[in-house]
PDB file of all heavy atoms in Angstrom:
ATOM      1  N   GLY A   1     -12.144 -84.299  19.521  1.00  0.00           N
ATOM      2  CA  GLY A   1     -11.914 -82.915  19.927  1.00  0.00           C
ATOM      3  C   GLY A   1     -13.210 -82.122  19.993  1.00  0.00           C
ATOM      4  O   GLY A   1     -14.273 -82.633  20.344  1.00  0.00           O
ATOM      5  N   PHE A   2     -13.127 -80.845  19.606  1.00  0.00           N
ATOM      6  CA  PHE A   2     -14.277 -79.944  19.646  1.00  0.00           C
ATOM      7  C   PHE A   2     -14.208 -79.016  18.455  1.00  0.00           C
ATOM      8  O   PHE A   2     -13.144 -78.510  18.091  1.00  0.00           O
ATOM      9  CB  PHE A   2     -14.268 -79.142  20.957  1.00  0.00           C
ATOM     10  CG  PHE A   2     -15.252 -77.997  20.967  1.00  0.00           C
ATOM     11  CD1 PHE A   2     -16.620 -78.233  20.912  1.00  0.00           C
ATOM     12  CD2 PHE A   2     -14.800 -76.681  21.015  1.00  0.00           C
ATOM     13  CE1 PHE A   2     -17.537 -77.184  20.917  1.00  0.00           C
ATOM     14  CE2 PHE A   2     -15.707 -75.619  21.025  1.00  0.00           C
ATOM     15  CZ  PHE A   2     -17.069 -75.871  20.979  1.00  0.00           C
ATOM     16  N   GLU A   3     -15.371 -78.794  17.844  1.00  0.00           N
ATOM     17  CA  GLU A   3     -15.429 -77.890  16.692  1.00  0.00           C
ATOM     18  C   GLU A   3     -16.626 -76.959  16.878  1.00  0.00           C
ATOM     19  O   GLU A   3     -17.728 -77.413  17.192  1.00  0.00           O
ATOM     20  CB  GLU A   3     -15.584 -78.704  15.406  1.00  0.00           C
ATOM     21  CG  GLU A   3     -15.483 -77.864  14.143  1.00  0.00           C
ATOM     22  CD  GLU A   3     -15.573 -78.728  12.888  1.00  0.00           C
ATOM     23  OE1 GLU A   3     -14.740 -79.658  12.754  1.00  0.00           O
ATOM     24  OE2 GLU A   3     -16.490 -78.480  12.076  1.00  0.00           O
ATOM     25  N   PHE A   4     -16.377 -75.670  16.704  1.00  0.00           N
ATOM     26  CA  PHE A   4     -17.447 -74.679  16.821  1.00  0.00           C
ATOM     27  C   PHE A   4     -17.634 -74.010  15.461  1.00  0.00           C
ATOM     28  O   PHE A   4     -16.664 -73.576  14.830  1.00  0.00           O
ATOM     29  CB  PHE A   4     -17.090 -73.634  17.875  1.00  0.00           C
ATOM     30  CG  PHE A   4     -18.139 -72.569  18.046  1.00  0.00           C
ATOM     31  CD1 PHE A   4     -19.287 -72.818  18.789  1.00  0.00           C
ATOM     32  CD2 PHE A   4     -17.989 -71.328  17.451  1.00  0.00           C
ATOM     33  CE1 PHE A   4     -20.259 -71.835  18.948  1.00  0.00           C
ATOM     34  CE2 PHE A   4     -18.961 -70.343  17.593  1.00  0.00           C
ATOM     35  CZ  PHE A   4     -20.095 -70.596  18.344  1.00  0.00           C
ATOM     36  N   GLN A   5     -18.902 -73.920  15.022  1.00  0.00           N
ATOM     37  CA  GLN A   5     -19.191 -73.315  13.722  1.00  0.00           C
ATOM     38  C   GLN A   5     -20.185 -72.161  13.877  1.00  0.00           C
ATOM     39  O   GLN A   5     -21.136 -72.244  14.665  1.00  0.00           O
ATOM     40  CB  GLN A   5     -19.772 -74.366  12.766  1.00  0.00           C
ATOM     41  CG  GLN A   5     -18.765 -75.430  12.350  1.00  0.00           C
ATOM     42  CD  GLN A   5     -19.350 -76.368  11.309  1.00  0.00           C
ATOM     43  OE1 GLN A   5     -20.566 -76.447  11.108  1.00  0.00           O
ATOM     44  NE2 GLN A   5     -18.473 -77.097  10.632  1.00  0.00           N
ATOM     45  N   ASP A   6     -19.939 -71.123  13.112  1.00  0.00           N
ATOM     46  CA  ASP A   6     -20.820 -69.948  13.075  1.00  0.00           C
ATOM     47  C   ASP A   6     -21.693 -70.048  11.824  1.00  0.00           C
ATOM     48  O   ASP A   6     -21.209 -69.861  10.710  1.00  0.00           O
ATOM     49  CB  ASP A   6     -19.971 -68.681  13.058  1.00  0.00           C
ATOM     50  CG  ASP A   6     -20.820 -67.421  12.986  1.00  0.00           C
ATOM     51  OD1 ASP A   6     -22.057 -67.539  12.929  1.00  0.00           O
ATOM     52  OD2 ASP A   6     -20.235 -66.317  12.979  1.00  0.00           O
ATOM     53  N   LYS A   7     -22.984 -70.368  12.001  1.00  0.00           N
ATOM     54  CA  LYS A   7     -23.913 -70.493  10.875  1.00  0.00           C
ATOM     55  C   LYS A   7     -25.000 -69.420  10.935  1.00  0.00           C
ATOM     56  O   LYS A   7     -26.107 -69.617  10.441  1.00  0.00           O
ATOM     57  CB  LYS A   7     -24.551 -71.889  10.871  1.00  0.00           C
ATOM     58  CG  LYS A   7     -23.581 -73.022  10.576  1.00  0.00           C
ATOM     59  CD  LYS A   7     -24.317 -74.359  10.491  1.00  0.00           C
ATOM     60  CE  LYS A   7     -23.364 -75.499  10.149  1.00  0.00           C
ATOM     61  NZ  LYS A   7     -24.087 -76.806  10.088  1.00  0.00           N
ATOM     62  N   LEU A   8     -24.679 -68.322  11.553  1.00  0.00           N
ATOM     63  CA  LEU A   8     -25.648 -67.230  11.663  1.00  0.00           C
ATOM     64  C   LEU A   8     -25.859 -66.544  10.317  1.00  0.00           C
ATOM     65  O   LEU A   8     -24.949 -66.494   9.472  1.00  0.00           O
ATOM     66  CB  LEU A   8     -25.149 -66.200  12.676  1.00  0.00           C
ATOM     67  CG  LEU A   8     -25.158 -66.626  14.150  1.00  0.00           C
ATOM     68  CD1 LEU A   8     -24.399 -65.596  14.968  1.00  0.00           C
ATOM     69  CD2 LEU A   8     -26.581 -66.793  14.660  1.00  0.00           C
ATOM     70  N   PHE A   9     -27.075 -66.016  10.141  1.00  0.00           N
ATOM     71  CA  PHE A   9     -27.349 -65.215   8.948  1.00  0.00           C
ATOM     72  C   PHE A   9     -28.360 -64.128   9.323  1.00  0.00           C
ATOM     73  O   PHE A   9     -29.148 -64.289  10.258  1.00  0.00           O
ATOM     74  CB  PHE A   9     -27.914 -66.094   7.824  1.00  0.00           C
ATOM     75  CG  PHE A   9     -29.192 -66.786   8.191  1.00  0.00           C
ATOM     76  CD1 PHE A   9     -30.435 -66.206   7.925  1.00  0.00           C
ATOM     77  CD2 PHE A   9     -29.169 -68.016   8.838  1.00  0.00           C
ATOM     78  CE1 PHE A   9     -31.610 -66.842   8.278  1.00  0.00           C
ATOM     79  CE2 PHE A   9     -30.357 -68.648   9.184  1.00  0.00           C
ATOM     80  CZ  PHE A   9     -31.577 -68.074   8.900  1.00  0.00           C
ATOM     81  N   GLY A  10     -28.289 -63.041   8.624  1.00  0.00           N
ATOM     82  CA  GLY A  10     -29.278 -61.981   8.823  1.00  0.00           C
ATOM     83  C   GLY A  10     -29.066 -61.128  10.053  1.00  0.00           C
ATOM     84  O   GLY A  10     -29.928 -60.329  10.409  1.00  0.00           O
ATOM     85  N   GLY A  11     -27.958 -61.292  10.761  1.00  0.00           N
ATOM     86  CA  GLY A  11     -27.681 -60.425  11.910  1.00  0.00           C
ATOM     87  C   GLY A  11     -28.553 -60.692  13.118  1.00  0.00           C
ATOM     88  O   GLY A  11     -28.799 -59.789  13.932  1.00  0.00           O
ATOM     89  N   SER A  12     -29.063 -61.953  13.268  1.00  0.00           N
ATOM     90  CA  SER A  12     -29.919 -62.263  14.419  1.00  0.00           C
ATOM     91  C   SER A  12     -29.156 -62.138  15.734  1.00  0.00           C
ATOM     92  O   SER A  12     -29.735 -61.796  16.769  1.00  0.00           O
ATOM     93  CB  SER A  12     -30.496 -63.679  14.293  1.00  0.00           C
ATOM     94  OG  SER A  12     -29.442 -64.620  14.098  1.00  0.00           O
ATOM     95  N   VAL A  13     -27.853 -62.442  15.678  1.00  0.00           N
ATOM     96  CA  VAL A  13     -26.978 -62.247  16.834  1.00  0.00           C
ATOM     97  C   VAL A  13     -25.745 -61.489  16.349  1.00  0.00           C
ATOM     98  O   VAL A  13     -25.079 -61.918  15.403  1.00  0.00           O
ATOM     99  CB  VAL A  13     -26.540 -63.587  17.463  1.00  0.00           C
ATOM    100  CG1 VAL A  13     -25.528 -63.351  18.590  1.00  0.00           C
ATOM    101  CG2 VAL A  13     -27.753 -64.349  17.996  1.00  0.00           C
ATOM    102  N   PRO A  14     -25.422 -60.334  16.943  1.00  0.00           N
ATOM    103  CA  PRO A  14     -24.245 -59.573  16.496  1.00  0.00           C
ATOM    104  C   PRO A  14     -22.958 -60.396  16.611  1.00  0.00           C
ATOM    105  O   PRO A  14     -22.807 -61.205  17.542  1.00  0.00           O
ATOM    106  CB  PRO A  14     -24.215 -58.380  17.466  1.00  0.00           C
ATOM    107  CG  PRO A  14     -25.619 -58.241  17.953  1.00  0.00           C
ATOM    108  CD  PRO A  14     -26.169 -59.638  18.000  1.00  0.00           C
ATOM    109  N   ARG A  15     -22.047 -60.183  15.668  1.00  0.00           N
ATOM    110  CA  ARG A  15     -20.797 -60.958  15.630  1.00  0.00           C
ATOM    111  C   ARG A  15     -19.985 -60.797  16.911  1.00  0.00           C
ATOM    112  O   ARG A  15     -19.214 -61.678  17.266  1.00  0.00           O
ATOM    113  CB  ARG A  15     -19.962 -60.503  14.429  1.00  0.00           C
ATOM    114  CG  ARG A  15     -20.597 -60.771  13.086  1.00  0.00           C
ATOM    115  CD  ARG A  15     -20.725 -62.248  12.800  1.00  0.00           C
ATOM    116  NE  ARG A  15     -21.509 -62.509  11.599  1.00  0.00           N
ATOM    117  CZ  ARG A  15     -21.922 -63.712  11.221  1.00  0.00           C
ATOM    118  NH1 ARG A  15     -21.635 -64.762  11.993  1.00  0.00           N
ATOM    119  NH2 ARG A  15     -22.626 -63.884  10.138  1.00  0.00           N
ATOM    120  N   GLN A  16     -20.145 -59.690  17.587  1.00  0.00           N
ATOM    121  CA  GLN A  16     -19.333 -59.451  18.780  1.00  0.00           C
ATOM    122  C   GLN A  16     -19.650 -60.437  19.908  1.00  0.00           C
ATOM    123  O   GLN A  16     -18.862 -60.620  20.826  1.00  0.00           O
ATOM    124  CB  GLN A  16     -19.545 -58.020  19.279  1.00  0.00           C
ATOM    125  CG  GLN A  16     -20.945 -57.786  19.866  1.00  0.00           C
ATOM    126  CD  GLN A  16     -21.341 -56.334  19.829  1.00  0.00           C
ATOM    127  OE1 GLN A  16     -21.389 -55.723  18.751  1.00  0.00           O
ATOM    128  NE2 GLN A  16     -21.622 -55.771  20.993  1.00  0.00           N
ATOM    129  N   TYR A  17     -20.846 -61.091  19.829  1.00  0.00           N
ATOM    130  CA  TYR A  17     -21.233 -62.033  20.883  1.00  0.00           C
ATOM    131  C   TYR A  17     -20.895 -63.485  20.530  1.00  0.00           C
ATOM    132  O   TYR A  17     -21.041 -64.373  21.378  1.00  0.00           O
ATOM    133  CB  TYR A  17     -22.734 -61.917  21.176  1.00  0.00           C
ATOM    134  CG  TYR A  17     -23.127 -60.571  21.728  1.00  0.00           C
ATOM    135  CD1 TYR A  17     -24.175 -59.852  21.182  1.00  0.00           C
ATOM    136  CD2 TYR A  17     -22.449 -60.021  22.821  1.00  0.00           C
ATOM    137  CE1 TYR A  17     -24.537 -58.599  21.683  1.00  0.00           C
ATOM    138  CE2 TYR A  17     -22.802 -58.777  23.330  1.00  0.00           C
ATOM    139  CZ  TYR A  17     -23.839 -58.077  22.760  1.00  0.00           C
ATOM    140  OH  TYR A  17     -24.179 -56.849  23.258  1.00  0.00           O
ATOM    141  N   VAL A  18     -20.472 -63.759  19.301  1.00  0.00           N
ATOM    142  CA  VAL A  18     -20.176 -65.144  18.888  1.00  0.00           C
ATOM    143  C   VAL A  18     -19.013 -65.735  19.698  1.00  0.00           C
ATOM    144  O   VAL A  18     -19.089 -66.884  20.149  1.00  0.00           O
ATOM    145  CB  VAL A  18     -19.896 -65.211  17.375  1.00  0.00           C
ATOM    146  CG1 VAL A  18     -19.404 -66.603  16.974  1.00  0.00           C
ATOM    147  CG2 VAL A  18     -21.170 -64.850  16.605  1.00  0.00           C
ATOM    148  N   PRO A  19     -17.907 -64.994  19.929  1.00  0.00           N
ATOM    149  CA  PRO A  19     -16.837 -65.567  20.776  1.00  0.00           C
ATOM    150  C   PRO A  19     -17.327 -65.933  22.178  1.00  0.00           C
ATOM    151  O   PRO A  19     -16.860 -66.915  22.758  1.00  0.00           O
ATOM    152  CB  PRO A  19     -15.791 -64.444  20.830  1.00  0.00           C
ATOM    153  CG  PRO A  19     -16.018 -63.645  19.588  1.00  0.00           C
ATOM    154  CD  PRO A  19     -17.491 -63.700  19.352  1.00  0.00           C
ATOM    155  N   ALA A  20     -18.284 -65.167  22.724  1.00  0.00           N
ATOM    156  CA  ALA A  20     -18.827 -65.484  24.046  1.00  0.00           C
ATOM    157  C   ALA A  20     -19.612 -66.796  23.998  1.00  0.00           C
ATOM    158  O   ALA A  20     -19.601 -67.572  24.959  1.00  0.00           O
ATOM    159  CB  ALA A  20     -19.725 -64.351  24.527  1.00  0.00           C
ATOM    160  N   VAL A  21     -20.300 -67.041  22.872  1.00  0.00           N
ATOM    161  CA  VAL A  21     -21.038 -68.302  22.713  1.00  0.00           C
ATOM    162  C   VAL A  21     -20.063 -69.479  22.690  1.00  0.00           C
ATOM    163  O   VAL A  21     -20.267 -70.497  23.364  1.00  0.00           O
ATOM    164  CB  VAL A  21     -21.891 -68.270  21.429  1.00  0.00           C
ATOM    165  CG1 VAL A  21     -22.547 -69.622  21.182  1.00  0.00           C
ATOM    166  CG2 VAL A  21     -22.945 -67.165  21.528  1.00  0.00           C
ATOM    167  N   GLU A  22     -18.973 -69.332  21.922  1.00  0.00           N
ATOM    168  CA  GLU A  22     -17.974 -70.409  21.875  1.00  0.00           C
ATOM    169  C   GLU A  22     -17.348 -70.629  23.253  1.00  0.00           C
ATOM    170  O   GLU A  22     -17.145 -71.766  23.696  1.00  0.00           O
ATOM    171  CB  GLU A  22     -16.882 -70.075  20.856  1.00  0.00           C
ATOM    172  CG  GLU A  22     -15.832 -71.174  20.754  1.00  0.00           C
ATOM    173  CD  GLU A  22     -14.781 -70.893  19.679  1.00  0.00           C
ATOM    174  OE1 GLU A  22     -14.928 -69.892  18.946  1.00  0.00           O
ATOM    175  OE2 GLU A  22     -13.825 -71.676  19.583  1.00  0.00           O
ATOM    176  N   LYS A  23     -17.061 -69.531  23.952  1.00  0.00           N
ATOM    177  CA  LYS A  23     -16.475 -69.647  25.290  1.00  0.00           C
ATOM    178  C   LYS A  23     -17.445 -70.337  26.250  1.00  0.00           C
ATOM    179  O   LYS A  23     -17.040 -71.156  27.090  1.00  0.00           O
ATOM    180  CB  LYS A  23     -16.107 -68.258  25.815  1.00  0.00           C
ATOM    181  CG  LYS A  23     -15.240 -68.295  27.069  1.00  0.00           C
ATOM    182  CD  LYS A  23     -14.757 -66.904  27.441  1.00  0.00           C
ATOM    183  CE  LYS A  23     -13.857 -66.969  28.679  1.00  0.00           C
ATOM    184  NZ  LYS A  23     -13.381 -65.633  29.098  1.00  0.00           N
ATOM    185  N   GLY A  24     -18.737 -70.028  26.127  1.00  0.00           N
ATOM    186  CA  GLY A  24     -19.739 -70.694  26.962  1.00  0.00           C
ATOM    187  C   GLY A  24     -19.761 -72.197  26.725  1.00  0.00           C
ATOM    188  O   GLY A  24     -19.911 -72.983  27.669  1.00  0.00           O
ATOM    189  N   CYS A  25     -19.600 -72.593  25.453  1.00  0.00           N
ATOM    190  CA  CYS A  25     -19.537 -74.027  25.122  1.00  0.00           C
ATOM    191  C   CYS A  25     -18.315 -74.675  25.781  1.00  0.00           C
ATOM    192  O   CYS A  25     -18.422 -75.730  26.417  1.00  0.00           O
ATOM    193  CB  CYS A  25     -19.473 -74.220  23.611  1.00  0.00           C
ATOM    194  SG  CYS A  25     -21.001 -73.853  22.736  1.00  0.00           S
ATOM    195  N   ARG A  26     -17.169 -74.049  25.614  1.00  0.00           N
ATOM    196  CA  ARG A  26     -15.928 -74.640  26.132  1.00  0.00           C
ATOM    197  C   ARG A  26     -15.953 -74.749  27.662  1.00  0.00           C
ATOM    198  O   ARG A  26     -15.507 -75.760  28.218  1.00  0.00           O
ATOM    199  CB  ARG A  26     -14.717 -73.819  25.672  1.00  0.00           C
ATOM    200  CG  ARG A  26     -14.453 -73.904  24.167  1.00  0.00           C
ATOM    201  CD  ARG A  26     -13.170 -73.192  23.780  1.00  0.00           C
ATOM    202  NE  ARG A  26     -12.932 -73.250  22.340  1.00  0.00           N
ATOM    203  CZ  ARG A  26     -12.328 -74.279  21.712  1.00  0.00           C
ATOM    204  NH1 ARG A  26     -11.919 -75.318  22.420  1.00  0.00           N
ATOM    205  NH2 ARG A  26     -12.138 -74.248  20.417  1.00  0.00           N
ATOM    206  N   GLU A  27     -16.453 -73.728  28.333  1.00  0.00           N
ATOM    207  CA  GLU A  27     -16.501 -73.765  29.795  1.00  0.00           C
ATOM    208  C   GLU A  27     -17.451 -74.853  30.289  1.00  0.00           C
ATOM    209  O   GLU A  27     -17.168 -75.540  31.270  1.00  0.00           O
ATOM    210  CB  GLU A  27     -16.907 -72.402  30.343  1.00  0.00           C
ATOM    211  CG  GLU A  27     -15.818 -71.352  30.192  1.00  0.00           C
ATOM    212  CD  GLU A  27     -16.231 -69.997  30.749  1.00  0.00           C
ATOM    213  OE1 GLU A  27     -17.389 -69.876  31.229  1.00  0.00           O
ATOM    214  OE2 GLU A  27     -15.400 -69.061  30.715  1.00  0.00           O
ATOM    215  N   THR A  28     -18.583 -75.015  29.610  1.00  0.00           N
ATOM    216  CA  THR A  28     -19.538 -76.057  30.007  1.00  0.00           C
ATOM    217  C   THR A  28     -18.955 -77.440  29.731  1.00  0.00           C
ATOM    218  O   THR A  28     -19.177 -78.383  30.500  1.00  0.00           O
ATOM    219  CB  THR A  28     -20.864 -75.886  29.252  1.00  0.00           C
ATOM    220  OG1 THR A  28     -21.312 -74.537  29.384  1.00  0.00           O
ATOM    221  CG2 THR A  28     -21.927 -76.824  29.798  1.00  0.00           C
ATOM    222  N   MET A  29     -18.193 -77.580  28.643  1.00  0.00           N
ATOM    223  CA  MET A  29     -17.567 -78.866  28.324  1.00  0.00           C
ATOM    224  C   MET A  29     -16.553 -79.273  29.390  1.00  0.00           C
ATOM    225  O   MET A  29     -16.421 -80.453  29.717  1.00  0.00           O
ATOM    226  CB  MET A  29     -16.875 -78.779  26.960  1.00  0.00           C
ATOM    227  CG  MET A  29     -17.828 -78.773  25.790  1.00  0.00           C
ATOM    228  SD  MET A  29     -16.985 -78.457  24.223  1.00  0.00           S
ATOM    229  CE  MET A  29     -15.916 -79.898  24.122  1.00  0.00           C
ATOM    230  N   GLU A  30     -15.831 -78.298  29.939  1.00  0.00           N
ATOM    231  CA  GLU A  30     -14.856 -78.620  30.979  1.00  0.00           C
ATOM    232  C   GLU A  30     -15.527 -79.152  32.238  1.00  0.00           C
ATOM    233  O   GLU A  30     -15.015 -80.060  32.891  1.00  0.00           O
ATOM    234  CB  GLU A  30     -14.033 -77.367  31.327  1.00  0.00           C
ATOM    235  CG  GLU A  30     -13.044 -76.956  30.252  1.00  0.00           C
ATOM    236  CD  GLU A  30     -12.328 -75.669  30.602  1.00  0.00           C
ATOM    237  OE1 GLU A  30     -12.490 -75.209  31.758  1.00  0.00           O
ATOM    238  OE2 GLU A  30     -11.618 -75.129  29.739  1.00  0.00           O
ATOM    239  N   GLU A  31     -16.680 -78.597  32.578  1.00  0.00           N
ATOM    240  CA  GLU A  31     -17.388 -79.014  33.793  1.00  0.00           C
ATOM    241  C   GLU A  31     -18.151 -80.309  33.584  1.00  0.00           C
ATOM    242  O   GLU A  31     -18.434 -81.030  34.546  1.00  0.00           O
ATOM    243  CB  GLU A  31     -18.375 -77.920  34.218  1.00  0.00           C
ATOM    244  CG  GLU A  31     -17.705 -76.600  34.579  1.00  0.00           C
ATOM    245  CD  GLU A  31     -18.727 -75.491  34.768  1.00  0.00           C
ATOM    246  OE1 GLU A  31     -19.940 -75.771  34.594  1.00  0.00           O
ATOM    247  OE2 GLU A  31     -18.319 -74.360  35.080  1.00  0.00           O
ATOM    248  N   GLY A  32     -18.496 -80.640  32.350  1.00  0.00           N
ATOM    249  CA  GLY A  32     -19.267 -81.842  32.076  1.00  0.00           C
ATOM    250  C   GLY A  32     -20.732 -81.658  32.390  1.00  0.00           C
ATOM    251  O   GLY A  32     -21.149 -80.700  33.046  1.00  0.00           O
ATOM    252  N   VAL A  33     -21.544 -82.590  31.888  1.00  0.00           N
ATOM    253  CA  VAL A  33     -22.993 -82.517  32.076  1.00  0.00           C
ATOM    254  C   VAL A  33     -23.511 -83.756  32.805  1.00  0.00           C
ATOM    255  O   VAL A  33     -24.255 -83.662  33.774  1.00  0.00           O
ATOM    256  CB  VAL A  33     -23.707 -82.372  30.714  1.00  0.00           C
ATOM    257  CG1 VAL A  33     -25.218 -82.310  30.900  1.00  0.00           C
ATOM    258  CG2 VAL A  33     -23.205 -81.131  29.979  1.00  0.00           C
ATOM    259  N   LEU A  34     -23.088 -84.938  32.365  1.00  0.00           N
ATOM    260  CA  LEU A  34     -23.566 -86.182  32.964  1.00  0.00           C
ATOM    261  C   LEU A  34     -23.061 -86.358  34.393  1.00  0.00           C
ATOM    262  O   LEU A  34     -23.833 -86.561  35.317  1.00  0.00           O
ATOM    263  CB  LEU A  34     -23.093 -87.382  32.125  1.00  0.00           C
ATOM    264  CG  LEU A  34     -23.935 -87.811  30.935  1.00  0.00           C
ATOM    265  CD1 LEU A  34     -23.293 -89.024  30.283  1.00  0.00           C
ATOM    266  CD2 LEU A  34     -25.349 -88.146  31.358  1.00  0.00           C
ATOM    267  N   ALA A  35     -21.723 -86.327  34.543  1.00  0.00           N
ATOM    268  CA  ALA A  35     -21.130 -86.638  35.850  1.00  0.00           C
ATOM    269  C   ALA A  35     -19.950 -85.730  36.185  1.00  0.00           C
ATOM    270  O   ALA A  35     -19.133 -86.061  37.042  1.00  0.00           O
ATOM    271  CB  ALA A  35     -20.672 -88.097  35.874  1.00  0.00           C
ATOM    272  N   GLY A  36     -19.849 -84.610  35.481  1.00  0.00           N
ATOM    273  CA  GLY A  36     -18.777 -83.667  35.797  1.00  0.00           C
ATOM    274  C   GLY A  36     -17.469 -83.949  35.102  1.00  0.00           C
ATOM    275  O   GLY A  36     -16.446 -83.346  35.435  1.00  0.00           O
ATOM    276  N   TYR A  37     -17.461 -84.867  34.104  1.00  0.00           N
ATOM    277  CA  TYR A  37     -16.231 -85.176  33.372  1.00  0.00           C
ATOM    278  C   TYR A  37     -16.183 -84.373  32.069  1.00  0.00           C
ATOM    279  O   TYR A  37     -17.234 -84.005  31.517  1.00  0.00           O
ATOM    280  CB  TYR A  37     -16.156 -86.670  33.052  1.00  0.00           C
ATOM    281  CG  TYR A  37     -16.070 -87.536  34.295  1.00  0.00           C
ATOM    282  CD1 TYR A  37     -17.172 -88.267  34.732  1.00  0.00           C
ATOM    283  CD2 TYR A  37     -14.896 -87.589  35.042  1.00  0.00           C
ATOM    284  CE1 TYR A  37     -17.097 -89.046  35.885  1.00  0.00           C
ATOM    285  CE2 TYR A  37     -14.824 -88.368  36.190  1.00  0.00           C
ATOM    286  CZ  TYR A  37     -15.917 -89.085  36.605  1.00  0.00           C
ATOM    287  OH  TYR A  37     -15.840 -89.848  37.751  1.00  0.00           O
ATOM    288  N   PRO A  38     -14.989 -84.071  31.539  1.00  0.00           N
ATOM    289  CA  PRO A  38     -14.891 -83.247  30.328  1.00  0.00           C
ATOM    290  C   PRO A  38     -15.646 -83.854  29.143  1.00  0.00           C
ATOM    291  O   PRO A  38     -15.666 -85.078  28.965  1.00  0.00           O
ATOM    292  CB  PRO A  38     -13.378 -83.214  30.057  1.00  0.00           C
ATOM    293  CG  PRO A  38     -12.737 -83.512  31.373  1.00  0.00           C
ATOM    294  CD  PRO A  38     -13.662 -84.437  32.070  1.00  0.00           C
ATOM    295  N   VAL A  39     -16.263 -82.987  28.346  1.00  0.00           N
ATOM    296  CA  VAL A  39     -16.985 -83.409  27.144  1.00  0.00           C
ATOM    297  C   VAL A  39     -16.026 -83.366  25.955  1.00  0.00           C
ATOM    298  O   VAL A  39     -15.244 -82.417  25.806  1.00  0.00           O
ATOM    299  CB  VAL A  39     -18.196 -82.491  26.889  1.00  0.00           C
ATOM    300  CG1 VAL A  39     -18.882 -82.839  25.574  1.00  0.00           C
ATOM    301  CG2 VAL A  39     -19.175 -82.579  28.054  1.00  0.00           C
ATOM    302  N   VAL A  40     -16.056 -84.406  25.107  1.00  0.00           N
ATOM    303  CA  VAL A  40     -15.173 -84.483  23.942  1.00  0.00           C
ATOM    304  C   VAL A  40     -15.982 -84.921  22.715  1.00  0.00           C
ATOM    305  O   VAL A  40     -17.139 -85.328  22.830  1.00  0.00           O
ATOM    306  CB  VAL A  40     -14.017 -85.489  24.178  1.00  0.00           C
ATOM    307  CG1 VAL A  40     -13.101 -85.023  25.297  1.00  0.00           C
ATOM    308  CG2 VAL A  40     -14.566 -86.888  24.491  1.00  0.00           C
TER     309      VAL A  40
END
């Protein structure tokens, strides 16, 4: 499957942007990197 973890400290990235980071990961996984197949 897929697991996303938030290991931020010190406020380097505001919490409001963390869901966007996870969404960016999921969208890229759907498109694939090597040959366009889903990443698992």
